[in-house]
Amino acid sequence: MPGRTLPTFALAEVESHNTKKSCYVTVGRNVYDVTDFVDAHPGGGDLVLDYAGKDITDILKDEASHAHSEAAYEVLDDSLVGFLEDASNGASANGKAKANGQANGTYVHPRTGMSCEEDLSKDTDITSDYKTHKFLDLSRPLFPQVWFGGFSKEFYLDQVHRPRHYKGGASAPLFGNFLEPLSKTPWWLIPVFWLPPVTYGLYLASSGLTAVGEVACFIGGLGFWSIAEYTLHRFLFHLDEWLPDNRVGITLHFTLHGIHHYLPMDKYRLVMPPALFAVLATPFWKLAHTIFYWDWNVATAVYCGGIFGYICYDLTHYFLHHQNLPLWYKQLKKLHLEHHFLDYENGFGVTSPFWDKVFGTELRGAKPGKKSN
């Protein structure tokens, strides 16, 4: 089935490609990118643009208007970029697709075109991907493309949640200049950077706490991190619905978390750069010492527990993407990678699915028993 190698498009997405810079047409469920043919059309580009984003089946067959030659159909054959989503499968351009497609007996998600976690590591054809989607060219720095791209929020969210994989597993260029090294963080830097201050903080707090009291505060901090992890992932990193529809909001989203969903297997953009986490962690220091205002030692021990929880989270996140793990973590890995290629609007817990169960955002998984038409 061609849909295994070519993407599917929502009708609204095809209709949005209705300009000279990006012109799509359909014939039945086939989607064609005829942008390069607009100026070359014998009858003039305006005739093509009159049908931009529309189905051209009838006009192709209309003898009264113009009998199209075999050459016209050859142009279309060379311009095939994908297929319209079957309206019966419940898919939508914003990723709220229902998992009910199959190809050759294997489930294929109707939005991402992926069937399993291994698909996340298949190299993306950079040239054809850019020609098909008109989103980001993986061979050029991504940050300026997002900033100057003029993308609508709807188009951006649809594209950034269609995972790509840069050739050979390397990191795609983000800035393409002296800032590039600052955008990459190896996993081992997280414990190296954060464990010393956590250890020192616990040492200071121990002067005013019993061993049992300090352990209790530390565990309390771990529990606080658990809900903070879920909350940050769901309401900050996935601020999709409330994202401002402008380039500032879109670029911030891409830099904070969108690039991870766009290139989920990039091993140097899987953990948070220490400088960024320091910015996010500072308010929690203030919060801990405000809540436990009567005892600096308690507040510090709780805070250290929370930071240790973060260390566990970032390392778990890396290993879920790139390591074979014990049985319990294999289930976590399955859920997290499904969050990437199946349903990015659910499955926000990384170290545990507990809060997803509490708040009803569990991943439901594919339903391979249902077939699309």
Protein backbone atom coordinates (compact mmCIF):
# COMPACT_ATOMS: atom_id res chain seq x y z
CA MET A 1 0.00 0.00 0.00
CA PRO A 2 1.51 3.37 -1.06
CA GLY A 3 0.36 4.98 2.19
CA ARG A 4 3.18 3.13 3.96
CA THR A 5 5.77 5.35 2.21
CA LEU A 6 3.80 8.49 1.34
CA PRO A 7 1.98 10.61 3.94
CA THR A 8 -1.72 11.21 4.30
CA PHE A 9 -3.25 14.68 4.30
CA ALA A 10 -6.41 16.07 5.81
CA LEU A 11 -8.64 17.78 3.23
CA ALA A 12 -8.24 21.10 5.04
CA GLU A 13 -4.46 20.81 4.76
CA VAL A 14 -4.63 20.21 1.00
CA GLU A 15 -7.01 23.15 0.61
CA SER A 16 -4.50 25.39 2.41
CA HIS A 17 -1.95 24.78 -0.37
CA ASN A 18 -3.70 27.17 -2.74
CA THR A 19 -1.04 29.67 -3.76
CA LYS A 20 1.62 30.00 -6.42
CA LYS A 21 4.26 29.18 -3.81
CA SER A 22 2.56 25.96 -2.79
CA CYS A 23 -0.10 24.48 -5.03
CA TYR A 24 -1.70 21.08 -4.36
CA VAL A 25 -4.51 19.42 -6.29
CA THR A 26 -6.26 16.10 -5.88
CA VAL A 27 -7.62 13.42 -8.16
CA GLY A 28 -9.79 11.18 -6.04
CA ARG A 29 -7.71 10.42 -2.92
CA ASN A 30 -4.37 11.11 -4.63
CA VAL A 31 -2.66 14.38 -3.66
CA TYR A 32 -0.32 16.11 -6.13
CA ASP A 33 2.10 19.00 -5.63
CA VAL A 34 1.98 20.92 -8.92
CA THR A 35 3.77 24.04 -7.68
CA ASP A 36 6.61 23.63 -10.18
CA PHE A 37 4.08 23.24 -13.01
CA VAL A 38 2.13 26.45 -12.39
CA ASP A 39 4.33 28.68 -14.58
CA ALA A 40 4.84 25.92 -17.14
CA HIS A 41 1.13 25.27 -17.77
CA PRO A 42 0.43 25.88 -21.49
CA GLY A 43 -2.80 27.71 -20.72
CA GLY A 44 -1.20 29.96 -18.12
CA GLY A 45 -0.64 29.59 -14.39
CA ASP A 46 -3.94 31.25 -13.47
CA LEU A 47 -5.85 28.27 -14.80
CA VAL A 48 -3.95 25.98 -12.45
CA LEU A 49 -4.40 28.34 -9.50
CA ASP A 50 -8.15 28.39 -10.09
CA TYR A 51 -8.11 24.77 -8.94
CA ALA A 52 -5.42 25.06 -6.27
CA GLY A 53 -6.33 22.97 -3.25
CA LYS A 54 -9.23 21.36 -5.13
CA ASP A 55 -10.10 18.15 -6.93
CA ILE A 56 -9.39 18.33 -10.68
CA THR A 57 -10.95 15.03 -11.76
CA ASP A 58 -13.83 16.65 -13.65
CA ILE A 59 -11.80 19.37 -15.36
CA LEU A 60 -9.28 16.81 -16.59
CA LYS A 61 -12.09 14.95 -18.33
CA ASP A 62 -14.00 18.02 -19.53
CA GLU A 63 -13.76 17.91 -23.34
CA ALA A 64 -15.49 21.27 -23.68
CA SER A 65 -12.83 22.97 -21.58
CA HIS A 66 -9.69 21.21 -22.66
CA ALA A 67 -8.81 17.65 -23.52
CA HIS A 68 -5.71 16.93 -21.48
CA SER A 69 -2.97 14.92 -23.11
CA GLU A 70 -1.05 11.97 -21.76
CA ALA A 71 1.73 14.42 -20.91
CA ALA A 72 -0.54 16.10 -18.37
CA TYR A 73 -1.13 12.80 -16.63
CA GLU A 74 2.61 12.07 -16.66
CA VAL A 75 3.19 15.40 -14.88
CA LEU A 76 0.69 14.34 -12.24
CA ASP A 77 2.33 10.94 -11.83
CA ASP A 78 5.66 12.65 -11.13
CA SER A 79 4.02 15.03 -8.64
CA LEU A 80 2.29 12.52 -6.35
CA VAL A 81 3.09 13.45 -2.74
CA GLY A 82 0.49 11.55 -0.72
CA PHE A 83 -3.11 10.61 -0.18
CA LEU A 84 -6.20 12.14 1.34
CA GLU A 85 -7.19 10.72 4.68
CA ASP A 86 -10.22 8.50 4.60
CA ALA A 87 -12.93 10.52 6.34
CA SER A 88 -14.21 7.31 7.92
CA ASN A 89 -11.07 6.78 9.96
CA GLY A 90 -11.56 9.85 12.14
CA ALA A 91 -8.16 11.38 11.38
CA SER A 92 -7.60 15.11 11.62
CA ALA A 93 -4.81 17.51 10.78
CA ASN A 94 -4.11 18.49 14.37
CA GLY A 95 -3.12 14.99 15.32
CA LYS A 96 -6.37 13.91 16.96
CA ALA A 97 -6.45 10.89 14.76
CA LYS A 98 -8.21 7.72 15.76
CA ALA A 99 -5.99 4.69 15.52
CA ASN A 100 -7.82 2.46 13.12
CA GLY A 101 -5.81 2.04 9.91
CA GLN A 102 -4.06 -1.07 8.64
CA ALA A 103 -1.77 -1.87 5.77
CA ASN A 104 -0.85 -5.43 4.86
CA GLY A 105 -2.07 -6.55 8.26
CA THR A 106 0.13 -4.01 10.10
CA TYR A 107 -1.31 -1.02 11.87
CA VAL A 108 -0.31 2.30 10.31
CA HIS A 109 -1.13 5.55 12.06
CA PRO A 110 -3.11 7.71 9.62
CA ARG A 111 -1.30 10.95 10.54
CA THR A 112 2.33 9.88 10.99
CA GLY A 113 2.35 6.96 8.56
CA MET A 114 4.22 4.91 11.19
CA SER A 115 3.42 1.43 12.43
CA CYS A 116 5.95 0.81 15.21
CA GLU A 117 8.74 2.35 17.25
CA GLU A 118 11.38 1.17 14.76
CA ASP A 119 9.90 3.60 12.22
CA LEU A 120 11.17 6.46 14.40
CA SER A 121 14.74 5.48 13.47
CA LYS A 122 14.28 5.17 9.71
CA ASP A 123 16.20 7.91 7.91
CA THR A 124 14.03 10.61 6.38
CA ASP A 125 14.58 11.43 2.71
CA ILE A 126 15.39 15.12 3.24
CA THR A 127 14.68 16.25 -0.32
CA SER A 128 11.36 14.51 -0.79
CA ASP A 129 10.20 15.38 2.73
CA TYR A 130 10.71 19.09 2.10
CA LYS A 131 9.13 18.93 -1.34
CA THR A 132 6.13 17.07 0.03
CA HIS A 133 5.41 19.09 3.16
CA LYS A 134 7.00 22.52 2.50
CA PHE A 135 7.88 22.68 6.19
CA LEU A 136 11.54 22.44 7.23
CA ASP A 137 14.57 21.51 5.16
CA LEU A 138 16.64 19.23 7.40
CA SER A 139 19.81 20.10 5.52
CA ARG A 140 19.65 23.76 6.64
CA PRO A 141 19.53 25.35 10.14
CA LEU A 142 16.06 24.80 11.58
CA PHE A 143 15.69 27.76 13.94
CA PRO A 144 15.70 30.49 11.24
CA GLN A 145 13.35 28.39 9.10
CA VAL A 146 10.82 28.26 11.93
CA TRP A 147 11.23 31.97 12.71
CA PHE A 148 10.91 33.15 9.10
CA GLY A 149 8.65 30.34 7.85
CA GLY A 150 5.35 32.17 8.27
CA PHE A 151 3.66 28.93 9.34
CA SER A 152 0.17 28.93 10.79
CA LYS A 153 -0.21 27.26 14.17
CA GLU A 154 -2.39 24.51 12.71
CA PHE A 155 0.11 23.68 9.97
CA TYR A 156 3.07 23.88 12.36
CA LEU A 157 1.52 21.56 14.96
CA ASP A 158 0.57 19.04 12.32
CA GLN A 159 4.07 18.95 10.88
CA VAL A 160 6.12 19.11 14.06
CA HIS A 161 4.26 16.06 15.37
CA ARG A 162 5.10 13.99 12.29
CA PRO A 163 8.42 12.49 13.44
CA ARG A 164 11.46 12.66 11.21
CA HIS A 165 14.88 11.06 11.59
CA TYR A 166 18.04 12.85 10.50
CA LYS A 167 20.39 10.80 8.35
CA GLY A 168 22.57 8.36 10.22
CA GLY A 169 21.16 9.35 13.59
CA ALA A 170 23.20 12.56 13.70
CA SER A 171 21.82 15.89 14.92
CA ALA A 172 20.17 18.15 12.37
CA PRO A 173 21.52 21.72 12.41
CA LEU A 174 19.51 24.02 14.68
CA PHE A 175 21.42 27.31 14.52
CA GLY A 176 24.25 26.51 12.13
CA ASN A 177 26.67 28.87 13.89
CA PHE A 178 28.60 29.28 17.16
CA LEU A 179 25.37 28.59 19.11
CA GLU A 180 25.09 25.07 17.72
CA PRO A 181 27.12 23.33 20.49
CA LEU A 182 24.91 24.99 23.13
CA SER A 183 21.86 23.24 21.65
CA LYS A 184 23.28 19.76 22.30
CA THR A 185 23.47 18.06 25.70
CA PRO A 186 24.91 14.55 26.25
CA TRP A 187 22.94 12.51 28.78
CA TRP A 188 25.85 12.09 31.21
CA LEU A 189 26.10 15.85 31.75
CA ILE A 190 22.85 15.80 33.77
CA PRO A 191 24.10 13.71 36.73
CA VAL A 192 27.56 15.29 36.53
CA PHE A 193 26.07 18.79 36.76
CA TRP A 194 23.19 18.28 39.20
CA LEU A 195 24.23 15.50 41.61
CA PRO A 196 26.95 17.57 43.36
CA PRO A 197 24.59 20.45 44.34
CA VAL A 198 21.91 17.93 45.40
CA THR A 199 24.44 16.13 47.58
CA TYR A 200 25.70 19.39 49.07
CA GLY A 201 22.14 20.59 49.73
CA LEU A 202 21.32 17.38 51.61
CA TYR A 203 24.52 17.75 53.59
CA LEU A 204 23.55 21.27 54.67
CA ALA A 205 19.97 20.21 55.50
CA SER A 206 21.19 17.29 57.62
CA SER A 207 22.51 19.71 60.25
CA GLY A 208 18.95 20.54 61.31
CA LEU A 209 17.15 17.26 60.62
CA THR A 210 17.22 13.71 61.90
CA ALA A 211 18.14 11.02 59.38
CA VAL A 212 14.52 9.81 59.29
CA GLY A 213 13.23 13.36 58.86
CA GLU A 214 15.61 14.09 56.02
CA VAL A 215 14.69 10.87 54.22
CA ALA A 216 10.98 11.71 54.62
CA CYS A 217 11.52 15.21 53.18
CA PHE A 218 13.60 13.79 50.31
CA ILE A 219 10.87 11.26 49.42
CA GLY A 220 8.31 14.05 49.63
CA GLY A 221 10.35 15.99 47.10
CA LEU A 222 10.41 12.97 44.79
CA GLY A 223 6.64 12.80 45.02
CA PHE A 224 6.36 16.49 44.22
CA TRP A 225 8.58 16.02 41.17
CA SER A 226 6.31 13.22 39.95
CA ILE A 227 3.31 15.55 39.61
CA ALA A 228 5.53 18.42 38.42
CA GLU A 229 6.89 16.19 35.63
CA TYR A 230 3.38 15.41 34.41
CA THR A 231 2.23 19.03 34.72
CA LEU A 232 5.22 20.52 32.91
CA HIS A 233 5.03 17.98 30.10
CA ARG A 234 1.31 18.36 29.59
CA PHE A 235 0.75 22.07 30.17
CA LEU A 236 4.08 23.67 29.23
CA PHE A 237 5.81 21.43 26.71
CA HIS A 238 2.48 20.58 25.05
CA LEU A 239 0.95 24.02 25.16
CA ASP A 240 -0.43 23.20 21.72
CA GLU A 241 -4.06 24.25 22.00
CA TRP A 242 -3.20 27.54 23.73
CA LEU A 243 -0.11 28.29 21.62
CA PRO A 244 -0.18 31.86 20.20
CA ASP A 245 -0.66 31.76 16.45
CA ASN A 246 2.44 33.82 15.68
CA ARG A 247 6.10 33.19 15.03
CA VAL A 248 7.20 34.09 18.56
CA GLY A 249 4.96 31.45 20.13
CA ILE A 250 5.71 28.87 17.46
CA THR A 251 9.49 29.38 17.67
CA LEU A 252 9.47 29.17 21.47
CA HIS A 253 7.42 25.97 21.28
CA PHE A 254 9.82 24.48 18.73
CA THR A 255 12.90 25.37 20.77
CA LEU A 256 11.48 24.11 24.08
CA HIS A 257 9.92 20.82 22.98
CA GLY A 258 8.78 20.87 19.36
CA ILE A 259 12.21 19.92 18.02
CA HIS A 260 12.14 16.81 20.20
CA HIS A 261 8.85 15.68 18.65
CA TYR A 262 10.10 16.58 15.19
CA LEU A 263 13.36 14.64 15.68
CA PRO A 264 12.63 12.33 18.63
CA MET A 265 15.69 10.10 18.24
CA ASP A 266 18.27 12.90 18.30
CA LYS A 267 20.38 11.69 21.24
CA TYR A 268 21.84 15.13 21.95
CA ARG A 269 18.47 16.85 22.30
CA LEU A 270 16.82 14.35 24.64
CA VAL A 271 17.82 15.87 27.97
CA MET A 272 17.40 19.46 29.10
CA PRO A 273 20.44 21.78 28.91
CA PRO A 274 21.46 22.70 32.49
CA ALA A 275 21.05 26.43 31.85
CA LEU A 276 17.43 25.94 30.76
CA PHE A 277 16.57 23.70 33.69
CA ALA A 278 18.18 26.18 36.09
CA VAL A 279 15.69 28.79 34.81
CA LEU A 280 12.76 26.41 35.32
CA ALA A 281 14.03 25.17 38.69
CA THR A 282 14.56 28.59 40.29
CA PRO A 283 10.84 29.26 40.95
CA PHE A 284 10.57 25.85 42.65
CA TRP A 285 13.37 26.82 45.07
CA LYS A 286 11.34 29.90 45.97
CA LEU A 287 8.16 27.80 46.22
CA ALA A 288 9.72 25.20 48.54
CA HIS A 289 11.05 27.85 50.89
CA THR A 290 7.73 29.68 50.84
CA ILE A 291 5.71 26.58 51.71
CA PHE A 292 8.13 25.43 54.40
CA TYR A 293 8.97 28.93 55.56
CA TRP A 294 9.42 27.86 59.18
CA ASP A 295 12.34 25.48 58.45
CA TRP A 296 15.07 26.12 55.88
CA ASN A 297 16.40 22.58 56.28
CA VAL A 298 13.05 20.95 55.49
CA ALA A 299 12.57 23.15 52.42
CA THR A 300 16.07 22.36 51.17
CA ALA A 301 15.73 18.60 51.67
CA VAL A 302 12.38 18.60 49.84
CA TYR A 303 13.86 20.66 47.01
CA CYS A 304 16.84 18.31 46.70
CA GLY A 305 14.43 15.38 46.45
CA GLY A 306 12.64 17.15 43.62
CA ILE A 307 15.89 17.83 41.74
CA PHE A 308 16.92 14.21 42.17
CA GLY A 309 13.54 13.24 40.70
CA TYR A 310 14.35 15.45 37.71
CA ILE A 311 17.72 13.73 37.26
CA CYS A 312 15.95 10.36 37.21
CA TYR A 313 13.41 11.74 34.71
CA ASP A 314 15.99 13.03 32.23
CA LEU A 315 18.07 9.85 32.38
CA THR A 316 14.94 7.71 32.04
CA HIS A 317 13.89 9.78 29.05
CA TYR A 318 17.22 9.21 27.33
CA PHE A 319 17.28 5.48 28.06
CA LEU A 320 13.69 5.02 26.88
CA HIS A 321 14.78 6.29 23.48
CA HIS A 322 18.17 4.63 23.18
CA GLN A 323 18.64 1.62 25.46
CA ASN A 324 17.25 -1.87 25.95
CA LEU A 325 15.79 -1.93 29.43
CA PRO A 326 14.41 -4.36 32.06
CA LEU A 327 10.81 -5.54 31.79
CA TRP A 328 9.20 -2.66 33.73
CA TYR A 329 11.04 -0.07 31.63
CA LYS A 330 10.18 -1.88 28.41
CA GLN A 331 6.53 -1.04 29.08
CA LEU A 332 7.48 2.57 29.82
CA LYS A 333 9.46 2.65 26.57
CA LYS A 334 6.51 1.30 24.60
CA LEU A 335 4.21 3.96 26.07
CA HIS A 336 6.61 6.85 25.59
CA LEU A 337 7.49 6.04 21.99
CA GLU A 338 3.78 5.63 21.24
CA HIS A 339 3.42 9.18 22.60
CA HIS A 340 5.72 10.19 19.73
CA PHE A 341 4.44 8.21 16.76
CA LEU A 342 0.87 7.43 17.79
CA ASP A 343 -0.76 10.03 20.04
CA TYR A 344 1.12 13.10 21.24
CA GLU A 345 -2.00 14.40 23.03
CA ASN A 346 -1.83 11.66 25.68
CA GLY A 347 0.83 9.77 27.62
CA PHE A 348 2.59 12.64 29.42
CA GLY A 349 4.19 10.60 32.20
CA VAL A 350 7.77 9.58 31.41
CA THR A 351 9.03 7.95 34.61
CA SER A 352 5.56 6.59 35.45
CA PRO A 353 2.09 6.42 33.84
CA PHE A 354 0.46 6.98 37.26
CA TRP A 355 -0.75 10.55 36.72
CA ASP A 356 -1.98 9.71 33.20
CA LYS A 357 -4.26 7.15 34.84
CA VAL A 358 -5.39 9.67 37.44
CA PHE A 359 -6.20 12.43 34.93
CA GLY A 360 -7.48 10.26 32.08
CA THR A 361 -4.65 10.86 29.59
CA GLU A 362 -3.55 7.25 29.21
CA LEU A 363 -2.40 6.06 25.82
CA ARG A 364 -5.08 3.76 24.47
CA GLY A 365 -2.87 2.24 21.79
CA ALA A 366 -3.67 1.15 18.27
CA LYS A 367 -6.78 -0.81 17.42
CA PRO A 368 -5.49 -3.06 14.64
CA GLY A 369 -8.76 -4.93 14.35
CA LYS A 370 -10.32 -2.05 12.45
CA LYS A 371 -9.41 -1.48 8.86
CA SER A 372 -9.63 1.67 6.78
CA ASN A 373 -11.39 1.55 3.46
